[in-house]
């Protein structure tokens, strides 16, 4: 990937996932020790190079995949790094070689919001513009 945008995400490094919302048809919400991520765009979870779960799986095969799987995969995982690319891809790297990837895809809706308890606030606006 190209065009890594330089934003200091060090505040989140070392934080643990403490909760993941499992309510379907609502915003996916991932809570960290000192922050949170609200997701309203397509996402996927990779382990290494393999995609092990994606939003599409939960939508089209809900008897097999759900947000409970997201919770099982990410709960208690430590954040190692966060990267943001100009192509509007946010990647959160977790321990055990897990990556949570977000893709802003709307011209009308916000994509995601990453917030820290001490004032960090980064989000994508409709059309993909980033604001913080």
N, C-alpha and C. Protein backbone atom coordinates (compact mmCIF):
# COMPACT_ATOMS: atom_id res chain seq x y z
N UNK A 1 0.83 -1.18 0.00
CA UNK A 1 0.00 0.00 0.00
C UNK A 1 0.87 1.24 0.00
N UNK A 2 0.34 2.28 -0.55
CA UNK A 2 1.08 3.52 -0.64
C UNK A 2 0.40 4.61 0.16
N UNK A 3 1.14 5.70 0.31
CA UNK A 3 0.61 6.92 0.91
C UNK A 3 0.12 6.74 2.34
N UNK A 4 0.98 6.20 3.17
CA UNK A 4 0.70 6.11 4.59
C UNK A 4 0.61 7.52 5.14
N UNK A 5 -0.49 7.83 5.78
CA UNK A 5 -0.68 9.16 6.36
C UNK A 5 -0.11 9.16 7.78
N UNK A 6 0.71 10.13 8.07
CA UNK A 6 1.41 10.19 9.35
C UNK A 6 0.51 10.79 10.43
N UNK A 7 -0.11 9.94 11.19
CA UNK A 7 -0.90 10.33 12.36
C UNK A 7 -0.32 9.55 13.52
N UNK A 8 -0.16 10.20 14.65
CA UNK A 8 0.42 9.54 15.82
C UNK A 8 -0.66 8.72 16.54
N UNK A 9 -0.61 7.41 16.34
CA UNK A 9 -1.55 6.50 16.98
C UNK A 9 -0.95 5.84 18.22
N UNK A 10 0.19 6.32 18.69
CA UNK A 10 0.88 5.67 19.80
C UNK A 10 0.04 5.58 21.06
N UNK A 11 -0.93 6.47 21.21
CA UNK A 11 -1.83 6.45 22.37
C UNK A 11 -2.52 5.08 22.51
N UNK A 12 -2.80 4.44 21.39
CA UNK A 12 -3.56 3.19 21.40
C UNK A 12 -2.68 1.95 21.54
N UNK A 13 -1.38 2.09 21.25
CA UNK A 13 -0.48 0.94 21.33
C UNK A 13 -0.45 0.38 22.75
N UNK A 14 -0.62 -0.91 22.85
CA UNK A 14 -0.61 -1.58 24.15
C UNK A 14 -1.98 -1.70 24.80
N UNK A 15 -2.97 -0.98 24.29
CA UNK A 15 -4.32 -1.09 24.85
C UNK A 15 -4.95 -2.43 24.47
N UNK A 16 -5.83 -2.90 25.32
CA UNK A 16 -6.50 -4.18 25.15
C UNK A 16 -7.95 -3.95 24.76
N UNK A 17 -8.49 -4.81 23.90
CA UNK A 17 -9.91 -4.77 23.57
C UNK A 17 -10.68 -5.30 24.78
N UNK A 18 -11.59 -4.47 25.31
CA UNK A 18 -12.35 -4.87 26.49
C UNK A 18 -13.79 -5.27 26.17
N UNK A 19 -14.28 -4.89 24.99
CA UNK A 19 -15.65 -5.28 24.62
C UNK A 19 -15.84 -5.09 23.11
N UNK A 20 -16.75 -5.86 22.56
CA UNK A 20 -17.17 -5.73 21.16
C UNK A 20 -18.68 -5.88 21.16
N UNK A 21 -19.39 -4.90 20.58
CA UNK A 21 -20.85 -4.99 20.52
C UNK A 21 -21.26 -6.15 19.63
N UNK A 22 -22.30 -6.85 20.03
CA UNK A 22 -22.76 -8.00 19.25
C UNK A 22 -24.16 -7.78 18.69
N UNK A 23 -24.74 -6.60 18.93
CA UNK A 23 -26.07 -6.30 18.40
C UNK A 23 -26.01 -6.12 16.89
N UNK A 24 -26.79 -6.90 16.18
CA UNK A 24 -26.85 -6.79 14.73
C UNK A 24 -27.66 -5.54 14.36
N UNK A 25 -27.47 -5.03 13.16
CA UNK A 25 -28.18 -3.87 12.63
C UNK A 25 -27.92 -2.59 13.42
N UNK A 26 -26.83 -2.55 14.16
CA UNK A 26 -26.40 -1.34 14.84
C UNK A 26 -24.92 -1.13 14.53
N UNK A 27 -24.42 0.04 14.86
CA UNK A 27 -23.01 0.33 14.63
C UNK A 27 -22.14 -0.68 15.37
N UNK A 28 -21.14 -1.23 14.68
CA UNK A 28 -20.17 -2.10 15.32
C UNK A 28 -19.30 -1.23 16.21
N UNK A 29 -19.21 -1.56 17.47
CA UNK A 29 -18.49 -0.75 18.44
C UNK A 29 -17.47 -1.63 19.15
N UNK A 30 -16.19 -1.24 19.04
CA UNK A 30 -15.11 -1.97 19.71
C UNK A 30 -14.54 -1.05 20.78
N UNK A 31 -14.52 -1.53 22.02
CA UNK A 31 -14.06 -0.73 23.14
C UNK A 31 -12.67 -1.19 23.56
N UNK A 32 -11.78 -0.21 23.76
CA UNK A 32 -10.44 -0.46 24.26
C UNK A 32 -10.36 0.03 25.70
N UNK A 33 -9.25 -0.18 26.34
CA UNK A 33 -9.08 0.26 27.73
C UNK A 33 -9.27 1.77 27.87
N UNK A 34 -8.77 2.54 26.90
CA UNK A 34 -8.85 4.00 26.97
C UNK A 34 -9.32 4.61 25.65
N UNK A 35 -10.29 3.97 25.03
CA UNK A 35 -10.79 4.50 23.77
C UNK A 35 -11.78 3.54 23.14
N UNK A 36 -12.17 3.87 21.91
CA UNK A 36 -13.13 3.02 21.22
C UNK A 36 -13.10 3.29 19.72
N UNK A 37 -13.68 2.37 18.99
CA UNK A 37 -13.79 2.46 17.54
C UNK A 37 -15.24 2.17 17.17
N UNK A 38 -15.88 3.09 16.45
CA UNK A 38 -17.23 2.87 15.93
C UNK A 38 -17.11 2.67 14.43
N UNK A 39 -17.66 1.57 13.93
CA UNK A 39 -17.49 1.17 12.54
C UNK A 39 -18.83 1.18 11.82
N UNK A 40 -18.90 1.96 10.74
CA UNK A 40 -20.10 2.03 9.91
C UNK A 40 -19.74 1.85 8.44
N UNK A 41 -18.74 1.02 8.20
CA UNK A 41 -18.27 0.77 6.84
C UNK A 41 -17.81 -0.69 6.75
N UNK A 42 -17.51 -1.16 5.56
CA UNK A 42 -17.02 -2.53 5.42
C UNK A 42 -15.72 -2.77 6.20
N UNK A 43 -15.58 -3.98 6.71
CA UNK A 43 -14.41 -4.35 7.51
C UNK A 43 -14.10 -5.82 7.27
N UNK A 44 -12.90 -6.18 7.69
CA UNK A 44 -12.52 -7.60 7.68
C UNK A 44 -11.47 -7.82 8.75
N UNK A 45 -11.34 -9.09 9.14
CA UNK A 45 -10.30 -9.51 10.08
C UNK A 45 -9.42 -10.51 9.35
N UNK A 46 -8.12 -10.24 9.37
CA UNK A 46 -7.15 -11.16 8.77
C UNK A 46 -6.26 -11.72 9.87
N UNK A 47 -5.82 -12.93 9.66
CA UNK A 47 -4.75 -13.51 10.47
C UNK A 47 -3.66 -13.84 9.48
N UNK A 48 -2.56 -13.08 9.57
CA UNK A 48 -1.54 -13.19 8.53
C UNK A 48 -2.12 -12.68 7.23
N UNK A 49 -2.02 -13.47 6.18
CA UNK A 49 -2.56 -13.07 4.87
C UNK A 49 -3.96 -13.60 4.62
N UNK A 50 -4.47 -14.42 5.53
CA UNK A 50 -5.78 -15.05 5.34
C UNK A 50 -6.90 -14.21 5.94
N UNK A 51 -7.95 -13.98 5.16
CA UNK A 51 -9.16 -13.34 5.70
C UNK A 51 -9.93 -14.40 6.46
N UNK A 52 -10.15 -14.15 7.75
CA UNK A 52 -10.87 -15.16 8.55
C UNK A 52 -12.30 -14.75 8.87
N UNK A 53 -12.63 -13.46 8.70
CA UNK A 53 -14.00 -13.01 8.90
C UNK A 53 -14.16 -11.63 8.27
N UNK A 54 -15.29 -11.41 7.62
CA UNK A 54 -15.56 -10.10 7.05
C UNK A 54 -17.01 -9.72 7.24
N UNK A 55 -17.28 -8.45 7.09
CA UNK A 55 -18.65 -7.95 7.23
C UNK A 55 -19.59 -8.70 6.30
N UNK A 56 -19.15 -8.99 5.08
CA UNK A 56 -19.98 -9.70 4.11
C UNK A 56 -20.40 -11.07 4.63
N UNK A 57 -19.50 -11.76 5.33
CA UNK A 57 -19.84 -13.07 5.90
C UNK A 57 -21.02 -12.95 6.87
N UNK A 58 -20.95 -11.92 7.72
CA UNK A 58 -22.01 -11.71 8.72
C UNK A 58 -23.34 -11.33 8.07
N UNK A 59 -23.29 -10.62 6.96
CA UNK A 59 -24.52 -10.19 6.27
C UNK A 59 -25.17 -11.35 5.51
N UNK A 60 -24.37 -12.09 4.76
CA UNK A 60 -24.93 -13.09 3.85
C UNK A 60 -24.95 -14.52 4.38
N UNK A 61 -24.30 -14.75 5.50
CA UNK A 61 -24.31 -16.08 6.11
C UNK A 61 -24.45 -15.94 7.64
N UNK A 62 -25.55 -15.26 8.07
CA UNK A 62 -25.68 -14.94 9.49
C UNK A 62 -25.87 -16.14 10.42
N UNK A 63 -26.25 -17.27 9.88
CA UNK A 63 -26.36 -18.46 10.74
C UNK A 63 -24.99 -19.03 11.08
N UNK A 64 -24.01 -18.71 10.26
CA UNK A 64 -22.66 -19.22 10.48
C UNK A 64 -21.73 -18.17 11.07
N UNK A 65 -21.93 -16.87 10.69
CA UNK A 65 -21.04 -15.80 11.12
C UNK A 65 -21.85 -14.66 11.74
N UNK A 66 -21.32 -14.08 12.80
CA UNK A 66 -21.99 -12.94 13.42
C UNK A 66 -20.94 -12.10 14.15
N UNK A 67 -21.41 -11.03 14.75
CA UNK A 67 -20.52 -10.19 15.53
C UNK A 67 -19.98 -10.90 16.77
N UNK A 68 -20.65 -11.96 17.16
CA UNK A 68 -20.12 -12.76 18.27
C UNK A 68 -18.77 -13.33 17.88
N UNK A 69 -18.59 -13.65 16.59
CA UNK A 69 -17.30 -14.13 16.11
C UNK A 69 -16.24 -13.03 16.21
N UNK A 70 -16.63 -11.79 15.91
CA UNK A 70 -15.71 -10.66 16.04
C UNK A 70 -15.26 -10.56 17.49
N UNK A 71 -16.21 -10.65 18.39
CA UNK A 71 -15.89 -10.56 19.82
C UNK A 71 -14.95 -11.69 20.24
N UNK A 72 -15.23 -12.90 19.80
CA UNK A 72 -14.37 -14.04 20.13
C UNK A 72 -12.94 -13.84 19.63
N UNK A 73 -12.82 -13.26 18.43
CA UNK A 73 -11.49 -13.08 17.83
C UNK A 73 -10.70 -11.93 18.45
N UNK A 74 -11.37 -10.83 18.80
CA UNK A 74 -10.64 -9.63 19.22
C UNK A 74 -10.64 -9.35 20.72
N UNK A 75 -11.58 -9.90 21.46
CA UNK A 75 -11.65 -9.62 22.89
C UNK A 75 -10.34 -10.01 23.58
N UNK A 76 -9.83 -9.11 24.38
CA UNK A 76 -8.59 -9.29 25.16
C UNK A 76 -7.32 -9.21 24.31
N UNK A 77 -7.44 -8.89 23.04
CA UNK A 77 -6.26 -8.73 22.19
C UNK A 77 -5.63 -7.36 22.43
N UNK A 78 -4.31 -7.32 22.38
CA UNK A 78 -3.55 -6.08 22.55
C UNK A 78 -3.28 -5.44 21.20
N UNK A 79 -3.48 -4.11 21.14
CA UNK A 79 -3.17 -3.35 19.94
C UNK A 79 -1.66 -3.16 19.86
N UNK A 80 -1.07 -3.51 18.72
CA UNK A 80 0.36 -3.31 18.50
C UNK A 80 0.63 -2.03 17.72
N UNK A 81 -0.23 -1.75 16.73
CA UNK A 81 0.01 -0.60 15.86
C UNK A 81 -1.27 -0.26 15.11
N UNK A 82 -1.39 1.01 14.69
CA UNK A 82 -2.49 1.44 13.84
C UNK A 82 -1.88 2.22 12.68
N UNK A 83 -2.35 1.92 11.47
CA UNK A 83 -1.89 2.61 10.27
C UNK A 83 -3.10 3.13 9.51
N UNK A 84 -2.92 4.27 8.86
CA UNK A 84 -3.98 4.83 8.04
C UNK A 84 -3.40 5.21 6.69
N UNK A 85 -4.06 4.77 5.63
CA UNK A 85 -3.58 4.99 4.27
C UNK A 85 -4.53 5.92 3.52
N UNK A 86 -3.96 6.68 2.61
CA UNK A 86 -4.72 7.66 1.84
C UNK A 86 -5.89 7.05 1.10
N UNK A 87 -5.81 5.79 0.77
CA UNK A 87 -6.92 5.13 0.08
C UNK A 87 -8.07 4.84 1.05
N UNK A 88 -8.03 5.48 2.21
CA UNK A 88 -9.07 5.38 3.23
C UNK A 88 -9.17 4.00 3.85
N UNK A 89 -8.03 3.41 4.10
CA UNK A 89 -7.97 2.12 4.77
C UNK A 89 -7.31 2.32 6.13
N UNK A 90 -8.01 1.93 7.18
CA UNK A 90 -7.46 1.96 8.53
C UNK A 90 -7.16 0.53 8.92
N UNK A 91 -5.95 0.28 9.40
CA UNK A 91 -5.56 -1.07 9.80
C UNK A 91 -5.11 -1.03 11.25
N UNK A 92 -5.77 -1.85 12.07
CA UNK A 92 -5.36 -2.00 13.46
C UNK A 92 -4.69 -3.37 13.57
N UNK A 93 -3.43 -3.35 13.96
CA UNK A 93 -2.68 -4.59 14.12
C UNK A 93 -2.75 -5.02 15.58
N UNK A 94 -3.15 -6.27 15.77
CA UNK A 94 -3.25 -6.84 17.11
C UNK A 94 -2.19 -7.92 17.29
N UNK A 95 -2.00 -8.30 18.52
CA UNK A 95 -1.10 -9.42 18.80
C UNK A 95 -1.63 -10.69 18.11
N UNK A 96 -0.82 -11.70 18.05
CA UNK A 96 -1.15 -12.98 17.42
C UNK A 96 -1.41 -12.86 15.92
N UNK A 97 -0.83 -11.81 15.30
CA UNK A 97 -0.89 -11.63 13.85
C UNK A 97 -2.30 -11.36 13.31
N UNK A 98 -3.17 -10.76 14.15
CA UNK A 98 -4.51 -10.37 13.72
C UNK A 98 -4.50 -8.92 13.25
N UNK A 99 -5.23 -8.64 12.16
CA UNK A 99 -5.42 -7.28 11.66
C UNK A 99 -6.92 -7.04 11.47
N UNK A 100 -7.38 -5.88 11.93
CA UNK A 100 -8.75 -5.44 11.69
C UNK A 100 -8.65 -4.29 10.70
N UNK A 101 -9.28 -4.45 9.54
CA UNK A 101 -9.14 -3.49 8.45
C UNK A 101 -10.49 -2.88 8.11
N UNK A 102 -10.49 -1.55 7.93
CA UNK A 102 -11.70 -0.79 7.63
C UNK A 102 -11.55 -0.12 6.27
N UNK A 103 -12.64 -0.08 5.50
CA UNK A 103 -12.64 0.49 4.16
C UNK A 103 -13.80 1.46 4.03
N UNK A 104 -13.52 2.75 3.97
CA UNK A 104 -14.59 3.73 3.79
C UNK A 104 -15.09 3.61 2.35
N UNK A 105 -16.42 3.44 2.19
CA UNK A 105 -16.97 3.20 0.86
C UNK A 105 -18.17 4.08 0.51
N UNK A 106 -18.46 5.10 1.31
CA UNK A 106 -19.68 5.87 1.09
C UNK A 106 -19.42 7.33 0.74
N UNK A 107 -20.23 7.85 -0.15
CA UNK A 107 -20.19 9.29 -0.45
C UNK A 107 -21.21 10.04 0.41
N UNK A 108 -22.03 9.31 1.15
CA UNK A 108 -23.13 9.91 1.89
C UNK A 108 -23.01 9.75 3.40
N UNK A 109 -22.36 8.67 3.87
CA UNK A 109 -22.28 8.37 5.30
C UNK A 109 -20.84 8.45 5.80
N UNK A 110 -20.70 8.68 7.10
CA UNK A 110 -19.38 8.57 7.73
C UNK A 110 -18.97 7.11 7.71
N UNK A 111 -17.67 6.86 7.78
CA UNK A 111 -17.18 5.49 7.73
C UNK A 111 -16.86 4.91 9.09
N UNK A 112 -16.06 5.60 9.85
CA UNK A 112 -15.65 5.12 11.17
C UNK A 112 -15.16 6.28 12.02
N UNK A 113 -15.13 6.04 13.32
CA UNK A 113 -14.63 7.03 14.27
C UNK A 113 -13.74 6.32 15.27
N UNK A 114 -12.53 6.81 15.45
CA UNK A 114 -11.58 6.29 16.42
C UNK A 114 -11.38 7.37 17.48
N UNK A 115 -11.69 7.03 18.74
CA UNK A 115 -11.61 8.01 19.81
C UNK A 115 -10.78 7.47 20.97
N UNK A 116 -10.04 8.39 21.58
CA UNK A 116 -9.30 8.09 22.79
C UNK A 116 -9.88 8.88 23.95
N UNK A 117 -9.76 8.36 25.15
CA UNK A 117 -10.33 9.01 26.32
C UNK A 117 -9.73 10.39 26.61
N UNK A 118 -8.55 10.66 26.08
CA UNK A 118 -7.89 11.92 26.39
C UNK A 118 -7.95 12.90 25.21
N UNK A 119 -9.02 12.84 24.41
CA UNK A 119 -9.24 13.84 23.37
C UNK A 119 -8.88 13.44 21.95
N UNK A 120 -8.32 12.27 21.72
CA UNK A 120 -8.03 11.83 20.36
C UNK A 120 -9.35 11.55 19.66
N UNK A 121 -9.57 12.13 18.49
CA UNK A 121 -10.81 11.95 17.75
C UNK A 121 -10.52 12.03 16.26
N UNK A 122 -10.59 10.91 15.57
CA UNK A 122 -10.30 10.82 14.14
C UNK A 122 -11.48 10.11 13.48
N UNK A 123 -11.98 10.68 12.39
CA UNK A 123 -13.12 10.04 11.73
C UNK A 123 -13.13 10.38 10.25
N UNK A 124 -13.86 9.56 9.48
CA UNK A 124 -14.01 9.81 8.06
C UNK A 124 -15.40 10.39 7.82
N UNK A 125 -15.43 11.45 7.04
CA UNK A 125 -16.67 12.14 6.68
C UNK A 125 -17.27 11.52 5.42
N UNK A 126 -18.52 11.82 5.11
CA UNK A 126 -19.08 11.35 3.84
C UNK A 126 -18.16 11.74 2.68
N UNK A 127 -17.94 10.81 1.79
CA UNK A 127 -17.05 11.04 0.68
C UNK A 127 -15.62 10.64 0.98
N UNK A 128 -15.33 10.38 2.26
CA UNK A 128 -14.02 9.87 2.64
C UNK A 128 -13.04 10.84 3.23
N UNK A 129 -13.37 12.12 3.28
CA UNK A 129 -12.43 13.08 3.88
C UNK A 129 -12.21 12.73 5.34
N UNK A 130 -10.98 12.91 5.80
CA UNK A 130 -10.62 12.60 7.19
C UNK A 130 -10.65 13.88 8.01
N UNK A 131 -11.15 13.76 9.22
CA UNK A 131 -11.18 14.91 10.11
C UNK A 131 -10.72 14.48 11.50
N UNK A 132 -10.03 15.40 12.19
CA UNK A 132 -9.62 15.15 13.58
C UNK A 132 -9.37 16.43 14.30
